[in-house]
Amino acid sequence: MRLFRTLPATCSSFHLTPTMSMSAAAAVQYPRPPDSTSIHRRALATHSGLGKTSGRGHKGQKARSGNGKPKAGFEGGQTTISKLFPKKGFTNSISGKTYAPVNLDRIAHWIEQGRLTSSPEKPITARELVLSGCIHNAHDGVKLLSDGAEYLKVPIHITPSRASKSAIKAVEKLGGTVRCRYYNRLSLYDCVKGRTDRVDAAPTRRQDIEWYTNWRNRGYLAPQSIAKMPIVQERWRQLSEQLTRFKREEFAKR
């Protein structure tokens, strides 16, 4: 009785050959199918070549399930370098805003070159400052500063988000006007892009309400600003009436 053995083939059928001696069998090299590729079959016993530990080795951090890698900055358990250095100061990330500063000397230079113009009906806003290159980014708003006020020779009309007291005094000395207007991120984006199809933002935080309804800051919601501005939206009148009502209310004394 003859025994038969199977050989690998590229098709589904089996090629059967009679058995031979061990030395003769070792000398025979069977060709590998050209379309086959090495496949790693993990955790399927030792016949796969990657059984048991599945190629991860014995124990250790990299052999565990999950990511197996420490977080960024981990130094093996010793005190990290980020904790060795002292910290100083703080970041007011909740309510803090980053304003784009613009000085009067820069605005005066832009006006002399003819890159900026202003009038009471069409004041300078963040859009004109960005398009003219006077500032490169509006950030959370524009703040007017008084550096180089001696170079300003003509009256200007500007509507920033904030303005210093000295800048307001220097502009109004020449007959100009400063009206500080509130912007959130969306309304400032609309201002820079020239969009007018959305309703302007209104201050909601107490600090913003008190700042933009104060005439000393030249807030656009102050009653004096509403009375003096040549163009006033009806919504601004309503906001000014509602947000300044608490100043005129009187409470009964017990």
C-alpha atoms as a PDB file:
ATOM      1  CA  MET A   1       0.000   0.000   0.000  1.00  0.00           C
ATOM      2  CA  ARG A   2       1.419   3.360  -0.972  1.00  0.00           C
ATOM      3  CA  LEU A   3       1.002   6.519   1.103  1.00  0.00           C
ATOM      4  CA  PHE A   4       0.459   9.904  -0.489  1.00  0.00           C
ATOM      5  CA  ARG A   5       1.289  13.419   0.649  1.00  0.00           C
ATOM      6  CA  THR A   6      -0.135  16.782  -0.388  1.00  0.00           C
ATOM      7  CA  LEU A   7       1.831  19.580  -2.022  1.00  0.00           C
ATOM      8  CA  PRO A   8       0.963  23.300  -2.090  1.00  0.00           C
ATOM      9  CA  ALA A   9      -0.555  24.416  -5.366  1.00  0.00           C
ATOM     10  CA  THR A  10      -2.004  27.519  -6.919  1.00  0.00           C
ATOM     11  CA  CYS A  11      -5.345  25.820  -7.587  1.00  0.00           C
ATOM     12  CA  SER A  12      -7.834  24.137  -5.319  1.00  0.00           C
ATOM     13  CA  SER A  13      -7.000  20.560  -6.412  1.00  0.00           C
ATOM     14  CA  PHE A  14      -4.251  18.461  -4.754  1.00  0.00           C
ATOM     15  CA  HIS A  15      -1.131  17.044  -6.370  1.00  0.00           C
ATOM     16  CA  LEU A  16      -0.363  13.631  -4.930  1.00  0.00           C
ATOM     17  CA  THR A  17       3.071  11.993  -5.040  1.00  0.00           C
ATOM     18  CA  PRO A  18       4.309   8.722  -3.544  1.00  0.00           C
ATOM     19  CA  THR A  19       6.225   8.966  -0.298  1.00  0.00           C
ATOM     20  CA  MET A  20      10.031   9.153  -0.405  1.00  0.00           C
ATOM     21  CA  SER A  21      12.910   8.952   2.027  1.00  0.00           C
ATOM     22  CA  MET A  22      13.636  11.780   4.475  1.00  0.00           C
ATOM     23  CA  SER A  23      16.877  12.749   2.762  1.00  0.00           C
ATOM     24  CA  ALA A  24      15.252  12.857  -0.642  1.00  0.00           C
ATOM     25  CA  ALA A  25      12.321  14.831   0.700  1.00  0.00           C
ATOM     26  CA  ALA A  26      14.647  17.399   2.274  1.00  0.00           C
ATOM     27  CA  ALA A  27      16.466  17.854  -1.017  1.00  0.00           C
ATOM     28  CA  VAL A  28      13.310  18.642  -2.900  1.00  0.00           C
ATOM     29  CA  GLN A  29      12.395  22.362  -2.955  1.00  0.00           C
ATOM     30  CA  TYR A  30       8.837  23.030  -3.843  1.00  0.00           C
ATOM     31  CA  PRO A  31       8.252  26.328  -5.680  1.00  0.00           C
ATOM     32  CA  ARG A  32       6.314  28.997  -3.815  1.00  0.00           C
ATOM     33  CA  PRO A  33       3.127  30.178  -5.493  1.00  0.00           C
ATOM     34  CA  PRO A  34       3.843  33.579  -7.036  1.00  0.00           C
ATOM     35  CA  ASP A  35       0.538  35.146  -5.970  1.00  0.00           C
ATOM     36  CA  SER A  36       0.808  34.285  -2.269  1.00  0.00           C
ATOM     37  CA  THR A  37       2.010  36.752   0.371  1.00  0.00           C
ATOM     38  CA  SER A  38       3.180  36.360   3.941  1.00  0.00           C
ATOM     39  CA  ILE A  39       0.267  36.744   6.318  1.00  0.00           C
ATOM     40  CA  HIS A  40       0.754  37.376  10.034  1.00  0.00           C
ATOM     41  CA  ARG A  41      -1.867  35.425  11.920  1.00  0.00           C
ATOM     42  CA  ARG A  42      -1.560  36.673  15.472  1.00  0.00           C
ATOM     43  CA  ALA A  43      -2.646  34.801  18.604  1.00  0.00           C
ATOM     44  CA  LEU A  44      -3.338  31.578  16.701  1.00  0.00           C
ATOM     45  CA  ALA A  45      -0.903  29.270  18.478  1.00  0.00           C
ATOM     46  CA  THR A  46       2.754  28.882  17.704  1.00  0.00           C
ATOM     47  CA  HIS A  47       2.161  27.713  14.129  1.00  0.00           C
ATOM     48  CA  SER A  48       1.596  31.301  13.045  1.00  0.00           C
ATOM     49  CA  GLY A  49       5.022  32.302  14.265  1.00  0.00           C
ATOM     50  CA  LEU A  50       3.457  35.108  16.289  1.00  0.00           C
ATOM     51  CA  GLY A  51       1.412  33.202  18.808  1.00  0.00           C
ATOM     52  CA  LYS A  52       1.245  33.507  22.580  1.00  0.00           C
ATOM     53  CA  THR A  53       2.445  37.099  23.054  1.00  0.00           C
ATOM     54  CA  SER A  54       1.521  38.111  19.477  1.00  0.00           C
ATOM     55  CA  GLY A  55       4.886  39.669  18.783  1.00  0.00           C
ATOM     56  CA  ARG A  56       4.825  41.964  21.809  1.00  0.00           C
ATOM     57  CA  GLY A  57       7.398  40.120  23.860  1.00  0.00           C
ATOM     58  CA  HIS A  58       7.186  39.230  27.573  1.00  0.00           C
ATOM     59  CA  LYS A  59       5.604  41.715  29.985  1.00  0.00           C
ATOM     60  CA  GLY A  60       6.672  45.328  30.126  1.00  0.00           C
ATOM     61  CA  GLN A  61       4.862  48.574  29.318  1.00  0.00           C
ATOM     62  CA  LYS A  62       4.723  47.967  25.570  1.00  0.00           C
ATOM     63  CA  ALA A  63       3.233  44.503  26.026  1.00  0.00           C
ATOM     64  CA  ARG A  64       0.091  45.807  27.758  1.00  0.00           C
ATOM     65  CA  SER A  65      -3.228  46.378  26.084  1.00  0.00           C
ATOM     66  CA  GLY A  66      -4.148  49.890  25.066  1.00  0.00           C
ATOM     67  CA  ASN A  67      -1.820  52.466  23.608  1.00  0.00           C
ATOM     68  CA  GLY A  68       1.269  51.289  25.474  1.00  0.00           C
ATOM     69  CA  LYS A  69       2.919  54.709  25.146  1.00  0.00           C
ATOM     70  CA  PRO A  70       3.197  57.354  27.879  1.00  0.00           C
ATOM     71  CA  LYS A  71       1.779  60.829  27.539  1.00  0.00           C
ATOM     72  CA  ALA A  72       3.852  63.648  26.156  1.00  0.00           C
ATOM     73  CA  GLY A  73       6.162  64.997  28.831  1.00  0.00           C
ATOM     74  CA  PHE A  74       6.310  61.763  30.867  1.00  0.00           C
ATOM     75  CA  GLU A  75       9.847  61.102  32.113  1.00  0.00           C
ATOM     76  CA  GLY A  76       9.563  57.675  33.657  1.00  0.00           C
ATOM     77  CA  GLY A  77       8.101  58.808  36.964  1.00  0.00           C
ATOM     78  CA  GLN A  78      10.590  61.481  37.929  1.00  0.00           C
ATOM     79  CA  THR A  79       9.526  65.093  38.292  1.00  0.00           C
ATOM     80  CA  THR A  80       9.011  66.471  34.818  1.00  0.00           C
ATOM     81  CA  ILE A  81      10.846  69.529  33.621  1.00  0.00           C
ATOM     82  CA  SER A  82       7.572  71.440  33.258  1.00  0.00           C
ATOM     83  CA  LYS A  83       7.079  71.165  37.025  1.00  0.00           C
ATOM     84  CA  LEU A  84      10.637  72.111  37.944  1.00  0.00           C
ATOM     85  CA  PHE A  85      10.382  75.666  36.608  1.00  0.00           C
ATOM     86  CA  PRO A  86       8.338  78.250  38.554  1.00  0.00           C
ATOM     87  CA  LYS A  87       5.263  79.820  36.987  1.00  0.00           C
ATOM     88  CA  LYS A  88       4.467  83.506  37.085  1.00  0.00           C
ATOM     89  CA  GLY A  89       1.435  85.475  35.964  1.00  0.00           C
ATOM     90  CA  PHE A  90      -1.837  84.206  34.587  1.00  0.00           C
ATOM     91  CA  THR A  91      -3.925  84.137  31.420  1.00  0.00           C
ATOM     92  CA  ASN A  92      -7.443  85.477  31.594  1.00  0.00           C
ATOM     93  CA  SER A  93      -8.797  83.157  28.936  1.00  0.00           C
ATOM     94  CA  ILE A  94     -12.460  83.385  30.005  1.00  0.00           C
ATOM     95  CA  SER A  95     -13.157  87.087  29.631  1.00  0.00           C
ATOM     96  CA  GLY A  96      -9.863  88.453  28.347  1.00  0.00           C
ATOM     97  CA  LYS A  97      -9.705  89.904  24.851  1.00  0.00           C
ATOM     98  CA  THR A  98      -6.820  90.708  22.549  1.00  0.00           C
ATOM     99  CA  TYR A  99      -7.216  94.086  20.879  1.00  0.00           C
ATOM    100  CA  ALA A 100      -5.300  95.244  17.830  1.00  0.00           C
ATOM    101  CA  PRO A 101      -3.586  98.503  18.849  1.00  0.00           C
ATOM    102  CA  VAL A 102      -3.423 101.393  16.416  1.00  0.00           C
ATOM    103  CA  ASN A 103      -1.716 104.695  17.232  1.00  0.00           C
ATOM    104  CA  LEU A 104      -2.622 108.173  16.039  1.00  0.00           C
ATOM    105  CA  ASP A 105       0.715 108.702  14.277  1.00  0.00           C
ATOM    106  CA  ARG A 106       0.090 105.653  12.084  1.00  0.00           C
ATOM    107  CA  ILE A 107      -3.403 106.849  11.209  1.00  0.00           C
ATOM    108  CA  ALA A 108      -2.010 110.307  10.417  1.00  0.00           C
ATOM    109  CA  HIS A 109       0.586 108.765   8.098  1.00  0.00           C
ATOM    110  CA  TRP A 110      -2.082 106.706   6.332  1.00  0.00           C
ATOM    111  CA  ILE A 111      -4.253 109.807   5.871  1.00  0.00           C
ATOM    112  CA  GLU A 112      -1.326 111.772   4.384  1.00  0.00           C
ATOM    113  CA  GLN A 113      -0.784 108.983   1.850  1.00  0.00           C
ATOM    114  CA  GLY A 114      -4.471 108.981   0.958  1.00  0.00           C
ATOM    115  CA  ARG A 115      -5.010 105.439   2.151  1.00  0.00           C
ATOM    116  CA  LEU A 116      -7.627 106.443   4.750  1.00  0.00           C
ATOM    117  CA  THR A 117     -10.496 108.915   4.629  1.00  0.00           C
ATOM    118  CA  SER A 118     -13.214 109.623   7.156  1.00  0.00           C
ATOM    119  CA  SER A 119     -16.356 111.684   7.618  1.00  0.00           C
ATOM    120  CA  PRO A 120     -19.069 111.885  10.298  1.00  0.00           C
ATOM    121  CA  GLU A 121     -21.383 109.851   8.072  1.00  0.00           C
ATOM    122  CA  LYS A 122     -18.706 107.267   7.198  1.00  0.00           C
ATOM    123  CA  PRO A 123     -16.186 106.902  10.045  1.00  0.00           C
ATOM    124  CA  ILE A 124     -13.114 104.710  10.054  1.00  0.00           C
ATOM    125  CA  THR A 125     -13.899 101.174  11.233  1.00  0.00           C
ATOM    126  CA  ALA A 126     -11.974  97.924  11.531  1.00  0.00           C
ATOM    127  CA  ARG A 127     -12.805  97.170   7.898  1.00  0.00           C
ATOM    128  CA  GLU A 128     -11.041 100.274   6.566  1.00  0.00           C
ATOM    129  CA  LEU A 129      -8.024  99.681   8.829  1.00  0.00           C
ATOM    130  CA  VAL A 130      -7.609  96.082   7.641  1.00  0.00           C
ATOM    131  CA  LEU A 131      -8.189  96.781   3.949  1.00  0.00           C
ATOM    132  CA  SER A 132      -5.751  99.705   3.951  1.00  0.00           C
ATOM    133  CA  GLY A 133      -3.063  97.682   5.723  1.00  0.00           C
ATOM    134  CA  CYS A 134      -2.994  99.914   8.781  1.00  0.00           C
ATOM    135  CA  ILE A 135      -3.504  96.776  10.866  1.00  0.00           C
ATOM    136  CA  HIS A 136      -3.024  93.202   9.734  1.00  0.00           C
ATOM    137  CA  ASN A 137      -5.514  91.469  12.032  1.00  0.00           C
ATOM    138  CA  ALA A 138      -8.495  92.832  13.935  1.00  0.00           C
ATOM    139  CA  HIS A 139      -8.244  90.108  16.622  1.00  0.00           C
ATOM    140  CA  ASP A 140     -11.069  90.841  19.119  1.00  0.00           C
ATOM    141  CA  GLY A 141     -11.375  94.501  18.143  1.00  0.00           C
ATOM    142  CA  VAL A 142      -9.380  97.674  17.557  1.00  0.00           C
ATOM    143  CA  LYS A 143      -8.080  99.873  20.360  1.00  0.00           C
ATOM    144  CA  LEU A 144      -7.110 103.478  19.608  1.00  0.00           C
ATOM    145  CA  LEU A 145      -3.967 104.740  21.383  1.00  0.00           C
ATOM    146  CA  SER A 146      -2.489 108.222  21.589  1.00  0.00           C
ATOM    147  CA  ASP A 147       1.164 107.636  20.632  1.00  0.00           C
ATOM    148  CA  GLY A 148       2.256 110.232  18.075  1.00  0.00           C
ATOM    149  CA  ALA A 149      -0.738 112.518  18.652  1.00  0.00           C
ATOM    150  CA  GLU A 150       1.406 115.519  17.664  1.00  0.00           C
ATOM    151  CA  TYR A 151       1.569 114.235  14.070  1.00  0.00           C
ATOM    152  CA  LEU A 152      -2.209 114.297  13.677  1.00  0.00           C
ATOM    153  CA  LYS A 153      -3.120 117.543  11.926  1.00  0.00           C
ATOM    154  CA  VAL A 154      -6.606 116.869  10.527  1.00  0.00           C
ATOM    155  CA  PRO A 155      -9.845 115.855  12.279  1.00  0.00           C
ATOM    156  CA  ILE A 156     -10.713 112.190  12.019  1.00  0.00           C
ATOM    157  CA  HIS A 157     -13.883 110.252  12.748  1.00  0.00           C
ATOM    158  CA  ILE A 158     -13.287 106.717  13.960  1.00  0.00           C
ATOM    159  CA  THR A 159     -15.309 103.883  15.507  1.00  0.00           C
ATOM    160  CA  PRO A 160     -12.989 101.496  17.382  1.00  0.00           C
ATOM    161  CA  SER A 161     -13.840  98.933  20.032  1.00  0.00           C
ATOM    162  CA  ARG A 162     -11.895 100.744  22.742  1.00  0.00           C
ATOM    163  CA  ALA A 163      -9.974 103.989  23.015  1.00  0.00           C
ATOM    164  CA  SER A 164      -7.719 105.498  25.630  1.00  0.00           C
ATOM    165  CA  LYS A 165      -8.657 108.750  27.357  1.00  0.00           C
ATOM    166  CA  SER A 166      -5.652 110.585  25.912  1.00  0.00           C
ATOM    167  CA  ALA A 167      -6.492 109.414  22.390  1.00  0.00           C
ATOM    168  CA  ILE A 168     -10.080 110.638  22.747  1.00  0.00           C
ATOM    169  CA  LYS A 169      -8.845 114.005  23.984  1.00  0.00           C
ATOM    170  CA  ALA A 170      -6.352 114.379  21.102  1.00  0.00           C
ATOM    171  CA  VAL A 171      -8.932 113.515  18.434  1.00  0.00           C
ATOM    172  CA  GLU A 172     -11.665 115.775  19.821  1.00  0.00           C
ATOM    173  CA  LYS A 173      -9.193 118.642  20.180  1.00  0.00           C
ATOM    174  CA  LEU A 174      -8.963 118.792  16.377  1.00  0.00           C
ATOM    175  CA  GLY A 175     -12.716 118.504  15.896  1.00  0.00           C
ATOM    176  CA  GLY A 176     -12.891 114.757  15.313  1.00  0.00           C
ATOM    177  CA  THR A 177     -15.112 112.168  16.970  1.00  0.00           C
ATOM    178  CA  VAL A 178     -14.539 108.809  18.647  1.00  0.00           C
ATOM    179  CA  ARG A 179     -17.396 106.381  19.210  1.00  0.00           C
ATOM    180  CA  CYS A 180     -16.464 103.048  20.780  1.00  0.00           C
ATOM    181  CA  ARG A 181     -18.681 100.219  19.557  1.00  0.00           C
ATOM    182  CA  TYR A 182     -19.141  96.721  20.907  1.00  0.00           C
ATOM    183  CA  TYR A 183     -18.269  93.722  18.713  1.00  0.00           C
ATOM    184  CA  ASN A 184     -18.283  90.018  19.360  1.00  0.00           C
ATOM    185  CA  ARG A 185     -16.477  87.580  17.062  1.00  0.00           C
ATOM    186  CA  LEU A 186     -19.339  87.245  14.595  1.00  0.00           C
ATOM    187  CA  SER A 187     -20.203  90.940  14.397  1.00  0.00           C
ATOM    188  CA  LEU A 188     -16.529  91.870  14.016  1.00  0.00           C
ATOM    189  CA  TYR A 189     -16.252  89.333  11.181  1.00  0.00           C
ATOM    190  CA  ASP A 190     -19.293  90.920   9.516  1.00  0.00           C
ATOM    191  CA  CYS A 191     -17.762  94.382   9.946  1.00  0.00           C
ATOM    192  CA  VAL A 192     -14.464  93.369   8.350  1.00  0.00           C
ATOM    193  CA  LYS A 193     -16.182  91.491   5.506  1.00  0.00           C
ATOM    194  CA  GLY A 194     -18.754  94.236   4.921  1.00  0.00           C
ATOM    195  CA  ARG A 195     -21.814  92.099   5.675  1.00  0.00           C
ATOM    196  CA  THR A 196     -24.991  93.896   6.734  1.00  0.00           C
ATOM    197  CA  ASP A 197     -27.561  91.085   6.551  1.00  0.00           C
ATOM    198  CA  ARG A 198     -27.234  90.125  10.232  1.00  0.00           C
ATOM    199  CA  VAL A 199     -28.264  91.987  13.380  1.00  0.00           C
ATOM    200  CA  ASP A 200     -25.418  93.685  15.245  1.00  0.00           C
ATOM    201  CA  ALA A 201     -24.312  92.241  18.569  1.00  0.00           C
ATOM    202  CA  ALA A 202     -25.243  93.907  21.859  1.00  0.00           C
ATOM    203  CA  PRO A 203     -23.210  93.816  25.082  1.00  0.00           C
ATOM    204  CA  THR A 204     -24.484  91.294  27.616  1.00  0.00           C
ATOM    205  CA  ARG A 205     -21.790  91.188  30.299  1.00  0.00           C
ATOM    206  CA  ARG A 206     -22.092  93.735  33.089  1.00  0.00           C
ATOM    207  CA  GLN A 207     -18.584  95.109  32.480  1.00  0.00           C
ATOM    208  CA  ASP A 208     -19.342  95.677  28.795  1.00  0.00           C
ATOM    209  CA  ILE A 209     -22.730  97.263  29.492  1.00  0.00           C
ATOM    210  CA  GLU A 210     -21.223  99.723  31.960  1.00  0.00           C
ATOM    211  CA  TRP A 211     -18.332 100.527  29.603  1.00  0.00           C
ATOM    212  CA  TYR A 212     -20.326 101.154  26.418  1.00  0.00           C
ATOM    213  CA  THR A 213     -23.059 103.156  28.158  1.00  0.00           C
ATOM    214  CA  ASN A 214     -20.534 105.538  29.735  1.00  0.00           C
ATOM    215  CA  TRP A 215     -19.973 108.856  27.989  1.00  0.00           C
ATOM    216  CA  ARG A 216     -16.442 109.176  29.430  1.00  0.00           C
ATOM    217  CA  ASN A 217     -15.473 106.169  27.330  1.00  0.00           C
ATOM    218  CA  ARG A 218     -17.393 107.577  24.350  1.00  0.00           C
ATOM    219  CA  GLY A 219     -19.533 104.459  24.290  1.00  0.00           C
ATOM    220  CA  TYR A 220     -21.979 104.335  21.404  1.00  0.00           C
ATOM    221  CA  LEU A 221     -24.861 103.431  23.734  1.00  0.00           C
ATOM    222  CA  ALA A 222     -24.426 106.439  26.004  1.00  0.00           C
ATOM    223  CA  PRO A 223     -27.368 108.902  25.774  1.00  0.00           C
ATOM    224  CA  GLN A 224     -24.967 111.705  24.791  1.00  0.00           C
ATOM    225  CA  SER A 225     -23.603 109.616  21.916  1.00  0.00           C
ATOM    226  CA  ILE A 226     -27.103 108.796  20.693  1.00  0.00           C
ATOM    227  CA  ALA A 227     -27.941 112.488  20.659  1.00  0.00           C
ATOM    228  CA  LYS A 228     -24.749 113.587  18.856  1.00  0.00           C
ATOM    229  CA  MET A 229     -24.145 110.874  16.259  1.00  0.00           C
ATOM    230  CA  PRO A 230     -25.375 111.852  12.755  1.00  0.00           C
ATOM    231  CA  ILE A 231     -26.512 108.315  11.903  1.00  0.00           C
ATOM    232  CA  VAL A 232     -28.104 106.267  14.665  1.00  0.00           C
ATOM    233  CA  GLN A 233     -29.824 102.936  14.272  1.00  0.00           C
ATOM    234  CA  GLU A 234     -33.213 102.540  15.917  1.00  0.00           C
ATOM    235  CA  ARG A 235     -31.934  99.441  17.682  1.00  0.00           C
ATOM    236  CA  TRP A 236     -29.193 101.511  19.320  1.00  0.00           C
ATOM    237  CA  ARG A 237     -31.809 103.892  20.734  1.00  0.00           C
ATOM    238  CA  GLN A 238     -33.730 100.976  22.204  1.00  0.00           C
ATOM    239  CA  LEU A 239     -30.618  99.401  23.672  1.00  0.00           C
ATOM    240  CA  SER A 240     -29.497 102.698  25.157  1.00  0.00           C
ATOM    241  CA  GLU A 241     -32.908 103.166  26.762  1.00  0.00           C
ATOM    242  CA  GLN A 242     -33.016  99.642  28.169  1.00  0.00           C
ATOM    243  CA  LEU A 243     -29.399  99.350  29.341  1.00  0.00           C
ATOM    244  CA  THR A 244     -29.301 102.751  31.067  1.00  0.00           C
ATOM    245  CA  ARG A 245     -32.643 102.357  32.817  1.00  0.00           C
ATOM    246  CA  PHE A 246     -31.008 101.107  36.005  1.00  0.00           C
ATOM    247  CA  LYS A 247     -29.238 104.466  36.438  1.00  0.00           C
ATOM    248  CA  ARG A 248     -32.588 106.312  36.603  1.00  0.00           C
ATOM    249  CA  GLU A 249     -34.452 103.880  38.816  1.00  0.00           C
ATOM    250  CA  GLU A 250     -35.113 104.763  42.422  1.00  0.00           C
ATOM    251  CA  PHE A 251     -35.877 102.301  45.163  1.00  0.00           C
ATOM    252  CA  ALA A 252     -38.050 102.958  48.186  1.00  0.00           C
ATOM    253  CA  LYS A 253     -36.128 103.267  51.405  1.00  0.00           C
ATOM    254  CA  ARG A 254     -37.307 101.215  54.377  1.00  0.00           C
END
